[in-house]
Amino acid sequence: MVFFAKKLGWTDLSAFEGNGTKTKYTYLGPRFEDSFCGNIEMLRHSLEFNGLKNVTIFDASKMKLGEIPGKYDLLYSFYCIGFH
């Protein structure tokens, strides 16, 4: 998000993050809704450190990705556990 904001001038950014220390998934099977590997407070700190103020953070433990309101031009995941 820092790259998109600072290098490309994008505004109105959103982040989808969940607090957790480990993920739970099967090798080619289902994903679990309570499986998170992230830290919302660290995300906020990183955004503040980089001067990004207009970022909406959605808590992944409270909603599914498909429930986020609005249209999005780009969805990007840095931590695609199990997919890279």
PDB file of N, CA and C in Angstrom:
ATOM      1  N   MET A   1       0.814  -1.184   0.000  1.00  0.00           N
ATOM      2  CA  MET A   1       0.000   0.000   0.000  1.00  0.00           C
ATOM      3  C   MET A   1       0.863   1.256   0.000  1.00  0.00           C
ATOM      4  N   VAL A   2       2.003   1.175   0.669  1.00  0.00           N
ATOM      5  CA  VAL A   2       2.907   2.322   0.681  1.00  0.00           C
ATOM      6  C   VAL A   2       3.378   2.627  -0.743  1.00  0.00           C
ATOM      7  N   PHE A   3       3.742   1.593  -1.471  1.00  0.00           N
ATOM      8  CA  PHE A   3       4.167   1.781  -2.862  1.00  0.00           C
ATOM      9  C   PHE A   3       3.067   2.431  -3.685  1.00  0.00           C
ATOM     10  N   PHE A   4       1.860   1.875  -3.623  1.00  0.00           N
ATOM     11  CA  PHE A   4       0.758   2.400  -4.415  1.00  0.00           C
ATOM     12  C   PHE A   4       0.453   3.859  -4.052  1.00  0.00           C
ATOM     13  N   ALA A   5       0.511   4.179  -2.759  1.00  0.00           N
ATOM     14  CA  ALA A   5       0.212   5.547  -2.326  1.00  0.00           C
ATOM     15  C   ALA A   5       1.327   6.526  -2.687  1.00  0.00           C
ATOM     16  N   LYS A   6       2.566   6.155  -2.388  1.00  0.00           N
ATOM     17  CA  LYS A   6       3.670   7.097  -2.578  1.00  0.00           C
ATOM     18  C   LYS A   6       4.189   7.158  -4.016  1.00  0.00           C
ATOM     19  N   LYS A   7       4.267   6.042  -4.678  1.00  0.00           N
ATOM     20  CA  LYS A   7       4.839   6.038  -6.030  1.00  0.00           C
ATOM     21  C   LYS A   7       3.797   6.271  -7.116  1.00  0.00           C
ATOM     22  N   LEU A   8       2.567   5.807  -6.883  1.00  0.00           N
ATOM     23  CA  LEU A   8       1.539   5.945  -7.911  1.00  0.00           C
ATOM     24  C   LEU A   8       0.474   6.987  -7.565  1.00  0.00           C
ATOM     25  N   GLY A   9       0.532   7.524  -6.350  1.00  0.00           N
ATOM     26  CA  GLY A   9      -0.408   8.566  -5.958  1.00  0.00           C
ATOM     27  C   GLY A   9      -1.810   8.079  -5.652  1.00  0.00           C
ATOM     28  N   TRP A  10      -1.955   6.786  -5.396  1.00  0.00           N
ATOM     29  CA  TRP A  10      -3.287   6.265  -5.108  1.00  0.00           C
ATOM     30  C   TRP A  10      -3.773   6.766  -3.748  1.00  0.00           C
ATOM     31  N   THR A  11      -5.059   7.029  -3.682  1.00  0.00           N
ATOM     32  CA  THR A  11      -5.705   7.429  -2.433  1.00  0.00           C
ATOM     33  C   THR A  11      -6.870   6.481  -2.195  1.00  0.00           C
ATOM     34  N   ASP A  12      -7.543   6.647  -1.105  1.00  0.00           N
ATOM     35  CA  ASP A  12      -8.724   5.834  -0.782  1.00  0.00           C
ATOM     36  C   ASP A  12      -8.368   4.343  -0.790  1.00  0.00           C
ATOM     37  N   LEU A  13      -7.420   3.965   0.051  1.00  0.00           N
ATOM     38  CA  LEU A  13      -6.967   2.579   0.137  1.00  0.00           C
ATOM     39  C   LEU A  13      -7.698   1.853   1.253  1.00  0.00           C
ATOM     40  N   SER A  14      -7.839   0.551   1.103  1.00  0.00           N
ATOM     41  CA  SER A  14      -8.452  -0.294   2.122  1.00  0.00           C
ATOM     42  C   SER A  14      -7.553  -1.483   2.394  1.00  0.00           C
ATOM     43  N   ALA A  15      -7.580  -1.941   3.644  1.00  0.00           N
ATOM     44  CA  ALA A  15      -6.803  -3.120   4.037  1.00  0.00           C
ATOM     45  C   ALA A  15      -7.734  -4.109   4.723  1.00  0.00           C
ATOM     46  N   PHE A  16      -7.507  -5.383   4.478  1.00  0.00           N
ATOM     47  CA  PHE A  16      -8.291  -6.470   5.066  1.00  0.00           C
ATOM     48  C   PHE A  16      -7.303  -7.301   5.872  1.00  0.00           C
ATOM     49  N   GLU A  17      -7.363  -7.212   7.197  1.00  0.00           N
ATOM     50  CA  GLU A  17      -6.365  -7.835   8.066  1.00  0.00           C
ATOM     51  C   GLU A  17      -7.042  -8.490   9.260  1.00  0.00           C
ATOM     52  N   GLY A  18      -6.437  -9.528   9.778  1.00  0.00           N
ATOM     53  CA  GLY A  18      -6.952 -10.200  10.969  1.00  0.00           C
ATOM     54  C   GLY A  18      -5.833 -10.488  11.934  1.00  0.00           C
ATOM     55  N   ASN A  19      -6.126 -10.387  13.224  1.00  0.00           N
ATOM     56  CA  ASN A  19      -5.132 -10.700  14.246  1.00  0.00           C
ATOM     57  C   ASN A  19      -5.004 -12.206  14.412  1.00  0.00           C
ATOM     58  N   GLY A  20      -3.793 -12.686  14.452  1.00  0.00           N
ATOM     59  CA  GLY A  20      -3.558 -14.105  14.678  1.00  0.00           C
ATOM     60  C   GLY A  20      -2.088 -14.439  14.559  1.00  0.00           C
ATOM     61  N   THR A  21      -1.710 -15.565  15.141  1.00  0.00           N
ATOM     62  CA  THR A  21      -0.304 -15.963  15.140  1.00  0.00           C
ATOM     63  C   THR A  21      -0.029 -17.165  14.257  1.00  0.00           C
ATOM     64  N   LYS A  22      -1.069 -17.814  13.759  1.00  0.00           N
ATOM     65  CA  LYS A  22      -0.846 -18.969  12.894  1.00  0.00           C
ATOM     66  C   LYS A  22      -2.058 -19.185  11.993  1.00  0.00           C
ATOM     67  N   THR A  23      -1.813 -19.899  10.925  1.00  0.00           N
ATOM     68  CA  THR A  23      -2.888 -20.242  10.009  1.00  0.00           C
ATOM     69  C   THR A  23      -3.206 -21.717  10.138  1.00  0.00           C
ATOM     70  N   LYS A  24      -4.431 -22.050   9.800  1.00  0.00           N
ATOM     71  CA  LYS A  24      -4.862 -23.448   9.767  1.00  0.00           C
ATOM     72  C   LYS A  24      -5.417 -23.714   8.373  1.00  0.00           C
ATOM     73  N   TYR A  25      -4.835 -24.659   7.685  1.00  0.00           N
ATOM     74  CA  TYR A  25      -5.365 -25.051   6.394  1.00  0.00           C
ATOM     75  C   TYR A  25      -4.845 -26.428   6.047  1.00  0.00           C
ATOM     76  N   THR A  26      -5.545 -27.085   5.173  1.00  0.00           N
ATOM     77  CA  THR A  26      -5.112 -28.378   4.682  1.00  0.00           C
ATOM     78  C   THR A  26      -4.449 -28.181   3.325  1.00  0.00           C
ATOM     79  N   TYR A  27      -3.610 -29.105   2.921  1.00  0.00           N
ATOM     80  CA  TYR A  27      -2.806 -28.917   1.728  1.00  0.00           C
ATOM     81  C   TYR A  27      -3.638 -28.611   0.482  1.00  0.00           C
ATOM     82  N   LEU A  28      -4.603 -29.281   0.124  1.00  0.00           N
ATOM     83  CA  LEU A  28      -5.444 -28.957  -1.027  1.00  0.00           C
ATOM     84  C   LEU A  28      -6.914 -28.968  -0.627  1.00  0.00           C
ATOM     85  N   GLY A  29      -7.153 -28.624   0.606  1.00  0.00           N
ATOM     86  CA  GLY A  29      -8.515 -28.708   1.102  1.00  0.00           C
ATOM     87  C   GLY A  29      -9.068 -27.374   1.523  1.00  0.00           C
ATOM     88  N   PRO A  30     -10.039 -27.409   2.419  1.00  0.00           N
ATOM     89  CA  PRO A  30     -10.757 -26.193   2.799  1.00  0.00           C
ATOM     90  C   PRO A  30      -9.898 -25.239   3.629  1.00  0.00           C
ATOM     91  N   ARG A  31     -10.246 -23.967   3.572  1.00  0.00           N
ATOM     92  CA  ARG A  31      -9.652 -22.953   4.434  1.00  0.00           C
ATOM     93  C   ARG A  31     -10.586 -22.769   5.623  1.00  0.00           C
ATOM     94  N   PHE A  32     -10.058 -22.249   6.712  1.00  0.00           N
ATOM     95  CA  PHE A  32     -10.845 -22.080   7.922  1.00  0.00           C
ATOM     96  C   PHE A  32     -11.050 -20.599   8.217  1.00  0.00           C
ATOM     97  N   GLU A  33     -12.258 -20.253   8.621  1.00  0.00           N
ATOM     98  CA  GLU A  33     -12.619 -18.853   8.820  1.00  0.00           C
ATOM     99  C   GLU A  33     -11.913 -18.205   9.999  1.00  0.00           C
ATOM    100  N   ASP A  34     -11.405 -18.999  10.945  1.00  0.00           N
ATOM    101  CA  ASP A  34     -10.735 -18.436  12.108  1.00  0.00           C
ATOM    102  C   ASP A  34      -9.216 -18.580  12.008  1.00  0.00           C
ATOM    103  N   SER A  35      -8.706 -18.626  10.795  1.00  0.00           N
ATOM    104  CA  SER A  35      -7.285 -18.805  10.551  1.00  0.00           C
ATOM    105  C   SER A  35      -6.668 -17.494  10.075  1.00  0.00           C
ATOM    106  N   PHE A  36      -5.928 -16.823  10.957  1.00  0.00           N
ATOM    107  CA  PHE A  36      -5.340 -15.525  10.618  1.00  0.00           C
ATOM    108  C   PHE A  36      -3.873 -15.495  11.000  1.00  0.00           C
ATOM    109  N   CYS A  37      -3.106 -14.797  10.234  1.00  0.00           N
ATOM    110  CA  CYS A  37      -1.697 -14.570  10.541  1.00  0.00           C
ATOM    111  C   CYS A  37      -1.423 -13.103  10.252  1.00  0.00           C
ATOM    112  N   GLY A  38      -1.693 -12.257  11.227  1.00  0.00           N
ATOM    113  CA  GLY A  38      -1.522 -10.826  11.025  1.00  0.00           C
ATOM    114  C   GLY A  38      -1.634 -10.073  12.336  1.00  0.00           C
ATOM    115  N   ASN A  39      -1.511  -8.746  12.250  1.00  0.00           N
ATOM    116  CA  ASN A  39      -1.550  -7.906  13.433  1.00  0.00           C
ATOM    117  C   ASN A  39      -2.067  -6.527  13.022  1.00  0.00           C
ATOM    118  N   ILE A  40      -3.301  -6.242  13.375  1.00  0.00           N
ATOM    119  CA  ILE A  40      -3.937  -4.991  12.963  1.00  0.00           C
ATOM    120  C   ILE A  40      -3.216  -3.779  13.554  1.00  0.00           C
ATOM    121  N   GLU A  41      -2.793  -3.857  14.801  1.00  0.00           N
ATOM    122  CA  GLU A  41      -2.086  -2.727  15.407  1.00  0.00           C
ATOM    123  C   GLU A  41      -0.748  -2.472  14.713  1.00  0.00           C
ATOM    124  N   MET A  42      -0.043  -3.522  14.312  1.00  0.00           N
ATOM    125  CA  MET A  42       1.214  -3.345  13.594  1.00  0.00           C
ATOM    126  C   MET A  42       0.954  -2.741  12.216  1.00  0.00           C
ATOM    127  N   LEU A  43      -0.147  -3.142  11.578  1.00  0.00           N
ATOM    128  CA  LEU A  43      -0.525  -2.542  10.308  1.00  0.00           C
ATOM    129  C   LEU A  43      -0.757  -1.046  10.487  1.00  0.00           C
ATOM    130  N   ARG A  44      -1.508  -0.675  11.515  1.00  0.00           N
ATOM    131  CA  ARG A  44      -1.764   0.747  11.783  1.00  0.00           C
ATOM    132  C   ARG A  44      -0.451   1.503  12.023  1.00  0.00           C
ATOM    133  N   HIS A  45       0.436   0.905  12.800  1.00  0.00           N
ATOM    134  CA  HIS A  45       1.732   1.526  13.067  1.00  0.00           C
ATOM    135  C   HIS A  45       2.524   1.725  11.778  1.00  0.00           C
ATOM    136  N   SER A  46       2.550   0.722  10.923  1.00  0.00           N
ATOM    137  CA  SER A  46       3.273   0.800   9.658  1.00  0.00           C
ATOM    138  C   SER A  46       2.688   1.880   8.747  1.00  0.00           C
ATOM    139  N   LEU A  47       1.382   1.952   8.695  1.00  0.00           N
ATOM    140  CA  LEU A  47       0.730   2.980   7.878  1.00  0.00           C
ATOM    141  C   LEU A  47       1.051   4.372   8.404  1.00  0.00           C
ATOM    142  N   GLU A  48       0.981   4.542   9.728  1.00  0.00           N
ATOM    143  CA  GLU A  48       1.292   5.832  10.341  1.00  0.00           C
ATOM    144  C   GLU A  48       2.759   6.209  10.095  1.00  0.00           C
ATOM    145  N   PHE A  49       3.655   5.268  10.268  1.00  0.00           N
ATOM    146  CA  PHE A  49       5.079   5.501  10.053  1.00  0.00           C
ATOM    147  C   PHE A  49       5.352   5.994   8.632  1.00  0.00           C
ATOM    148  N   ASN A  50       4.614   5.464   7.675  1.00  0.00           N
ATOM    149  CA  ASN A  50       4.801   5.823   6.269  1.00  0.00           C
ATOM    150  C   ASN A  50       3.917   6.981   5.818  1.00  0.00           C
ATOM    151  N   GLY A  51       3.194   7.588   6.738  1.00  0.00           N
ATOM    152  CA  GLY A  51       2.407   8.767   6.427  1.00  0.00           C
ATOM    153  C   GLY A  51       1.106   8.510   5.688  1.00  0.00           C
ATOM    154  N   LEU A  52       0.617   7.278   5.725  1.00  0.00           N
ATOM    155  CA  LEU A  52      -0.650   6.959   5.058  1.00  0.00           C
ATOM    156  C   LEU A  52      -1.782   7.124   6.067  1.00  0.00           C
ATOM    157  N   LYS A  53      -2.640   8.096   5.818  1.00  0.00           N
ATOM    158  CA  LYS A  53      -3.707   8.400   6.758  1.00  0.00           C
ATOM    159  C   LYS A  53      -5.089   7.977   6.260  1.00  0.00           C
ATOM    160  N   ASN A  54      -5.288   7.879   4.970  1.00  0.00           N
ATOM    161  CA  ASN A  54      -6.603   7.572   4.409  1.00  0.00           C
ATOM    162  C   ASN A  54      -6.729   6.102   4.031  1.00  0.00           C
ATOM    163  N   VAL A  55      -6.496   5.225   5.007  1.00  0.00           N
ATOM    164  CA  VAL A  55      -6.621   3.784   4.778  1.00  0.00           C
ATOM    165  C   VAL A  55      -7.720   3.260   5.687  1.00  0.00           C
ATOM    166  N   THR A  56      -8.710   2.616   5.098  1.00  0.00           N
ATOM    167  CA  THR A  56      -9.764   1.961   5.858  1.00  0.00           C
ATOM    168  C   THR A  56      -9.319   0.537   6.138  1.00  0.00           C
ATOM    169  N   ILE A  57      -9.337   0.142   7.413  1.00  0.00           N
ATOM    170  CA  ILE A  57      -8.940  -1.216   7.791  1.00  0.00           C
ATOM    171  C   ILE A  57     -10.187  -2.003   8.152  1.00  0.00           C
ATOM    172  N   PHE A  58     -10.376  -3.118   7.454  1.00  0.00           N
ATOM    173  CA  PHE A  58     -11.473  -4.033   7.747  1.00  0.00           C
ATOM    174  C   PHE A  58     -10.914  -5.213   8.526  1.00  0.00           C
ATOM    175  N   ASP A  59     -11.545  -5.551   9.643  1.00  0.00           N
ATOM    176  CA  ASP A  59     -11.109  -6.668  10.482  1.00  0.00           C
ATOM    177  C   ASP A  59     -11.619  -7.976   9.882  1.00  0.00           C
ATOM    178  N   ALA A  60     -10.693  -8.806   9.423  1.00  0.00           N
ATOM    179  CA  ALA A  60     -11.041 -10.059   8.752  1.00  0.00           C
ATOM    180  C   ALA A  60     -11.727 -11.048   9.677  1.00  0.00           C
ATOM    181  N   SER A  61     -11.598 -10.867  10.993  1.00  0.00           N
ATOM    182  CA  SER A  61     -12.272 -11.781  11.916  1.00  0.00           C
ATOM    183  C   SER A  61     -13.746 -11.445  12.071  1.00  0.00           C
ATOM    184  N   LYS A  62     -14.149 -10.280  11.575  1.00  0.00           N
ATOM    185  CA  LYS A  62     -15.535  -9.841  11.720  1.00  0.00           C
ATOM    186  C   LYS A  62     -16.335  -9.885  10.427  1.00  0.00           C
ATOM    187  N   MET A  63     -15.656 -10.102   9.289  1.00  0.00           N
ATOM    188  CA  MET A  63     -16.369 -10.163   8.010  1.00  0.00           C
ATOM    189  C   MET A  63     -15.565 -10.968   7.005  1.00  0.00           C
ATOM    190  N   LYS A  64     -16.225 -11.418   5.989  1.00  0.00           N
ATOM    191  CA  LYS A  64     -15.559 -12.135   4.907  1.00  0.00           C
ATOM    192  C   LYS A  64     -15.158 -11.131   3.825  1.00  0.00           C
ATOM    193  N   LEU A  65     -14.191 -11.504   3.030  1.00  0.00           N
ATOM    194  CA  LEU A  65     -13.703 -10.614   1.976  1.00  0.00           C
ATOM    195  C   LEU A  65     -14.831 -10.169   1.049  1.00  0.00           C
ATOM    196  N   GLY A  66     -15.749 -11.059   0.708  1.00  0.00           N
ATOM    197  CA  GLY A  66     -16.857 -10.731  -0.176  1.00  0.00           C
ATOM    198  C   GLY A  66     -17.886  -9.791   0.427  1.00  0.00           C
ATOM    199  N   GLU A  67     -17.799  -9.530   1.731  1.00  0.00           N
ATOM    200  CA  GLU A  67     -18.750  -8.651   2.408  1.00  0.00           C
ATOM    201  C   GLU A  67     -18.266  -7.199   2.519  1.00  0.00           C
ATOM    202  N   ILE A  68     -17.051  -6.941   2.072  1.00  0.00           N
ATOM    203  CA  ILE A  68     -16.531  -5.577   2.144  1.00  0.00           C
ATOM    204  C   ILE A  68     -17.332  -4.704   1.178  1.00  0.00           C
ATOM    205  N   PRO A  69     -17.841  -3.569   1.671  1.00  0.00           N
ATOM    206  CA  PRO A  69     -18.652  -2.706   0.798  1.00  0.00           C
ATOM    207  C   PRO A  69     -17.813  -1.997  -0.258  1.00  0.00           C
ATOM    208  N   GLY A  70     -18.414  -1.762  -1.385  1.00  0.00           N
ATOM    209  CA  GLY A  70     -17.772  -0.981  -2.428  1.00  0.00           C
ATOM    210  C   GLY A  70     -17.205  -1.815  -3.559  1.00  0.00           C
ATOM    211  N   LYS A  71     -16.706  -1.109  -4.571  1.00  0.00           N
ATOM    212  CA  LYS A  71     -16.018  -1.732  -5.708  1.00  0.00           C
ATOM    213  C   LYS A  71     -14.534  -1.464  -5.557  1.00  0.00           C
ATOM    214  N   TYR A  72     -13.723  -2.419  -6.001  1.00  0.00           N
ATOM    215  CA  TYR A  72     -12.276  -2.274  -5.884  1.00  0.00           C
ATOM    216  C   TYR A  72     -11.614  -2.486  -7.231  1.00  0.00           C
ATOM    217  N   ASP A  73     -10.605  -1.686  -7.502  1.00  0.00           N
ATOM    218  CA  ASP A  73      -9.861  -1.795  -8.755  1.00  0.00           C
ATOM    219  C   ASP A  73      -8.791  -2.871  -8.682  1.00  0.00           C
ATOM    220  N   LEU A  74      -8.276  -3.132  -7.487  1.00  0.00           N
ATOM    221  CA  LEU A  74      -7.191  -4.084  -7.334  1.00  0.00           C
ATOM    222  C   LEU A  74      -7.262  -4.748  -5.972  1.00  0.00           C
ATOM    223  N   LEU A  75      -7.136  -6.066  -5.961  1.00  0.00           N
ATOM    224  CA  LEU A  75      -6.999  -6.820  -4.721  1.00  0.00           C
ATOM    225  C   LEU A  75      -5.620  -7.456  -4.751  1.00  0.00           C
ATOM    226  N   TYR A  76      -4.844  -7.246  -3.699  1.00  0.00           N
ATOM    227  CA  TYR A  76      -3.480  -7.746  -3.641  1.00  0.00           C
ATOM    228  C   TYR A  76      -3.240  -8.354  -2.263  1.00  0.00           C
ATOM    229  N   SER A  77      -2.600  -9.485  -2.226  1.00  0.00           N
ATOM    230  CA  SER A  77      -2.286 -10.129  -0.956  1.00  0.00           C
ATOM    231  C   SER A  77      -0.802 -10.397  -0.871  1.00  0.00           C
ATOM    232  N   PHE A  78      -0.190  -9.902   0.199  1.00  0.00           N
ATOM    233  CA  PHE A  78       1.230 -10.138   0.419  1.00  0.00           C
ATOM    234  C   PHE A  78       1.441 -11.506   1.063  1.00  0.00           C
ATOM    235  N   TYR A  79       0.517 -11.922   1.888  1.00  0.00           N
ATOM    236  CA  TYR A  79       0.635 -13.206   2.591  1.00  0.00           C
ATOM    237  C   TYR A  79      -0.459 -14.166   2.142  1.00  0.00           C
ATOM    238  N   CYS A  80      -0.319 -14.732   0.975  1.00  0.00           N
ATOM    239  CA  CYS A  80      -1.268 -15.727   0.492  1.00  0.00           C
ATOM    240  C   CYS A  80      -0.803 -17.111   0.958  1.00  0.00           C
ATOM    241  N   ILE A  81      -0.990 -17.375   2.221  1.00  0.00           N
ATOM    242  CA  ILE A  81      -0.539 -18.646   2.788  1.00  0.00           C
ATOM    243  C   ILE A  81      -1.199 -19.793   2.033  1.00  0.00           C
ATOM    244  N   GLY A  82      -0.395 -20.707   1.581  1.00  0.00           N
ATOM    245  CA  GLY A  82      -0.922 -21.873   0.903  1.00  0.00           C
ATOM    246  C   GLY A  82      -1.103 -21.705  -0.597  1.00  0.00           C
ATOM    247  N   PHE A  83      -0.863 -20.495  -1.119  1.00  0.00           N
ATOM    248  CA  PHE A  83      -1.072 -20.269  -2.535  1.00  0.00           C
ATOM    249  C   PHE A  83       0.203 -19.875  -3.278  1.00  0.00           C
ATOM    250  N   HIS A  84       1.317 -19.671  -2.575  1.00  0.00           N
ATOM    251  CA  HIS A  84       2.530 -19.281  -3.271  1.00  0.00           C
ATOM    252  C   HIS A  84       3.623 -20.322  -3.171  1.00  0.00           C
TER     253      HIS A  84
END
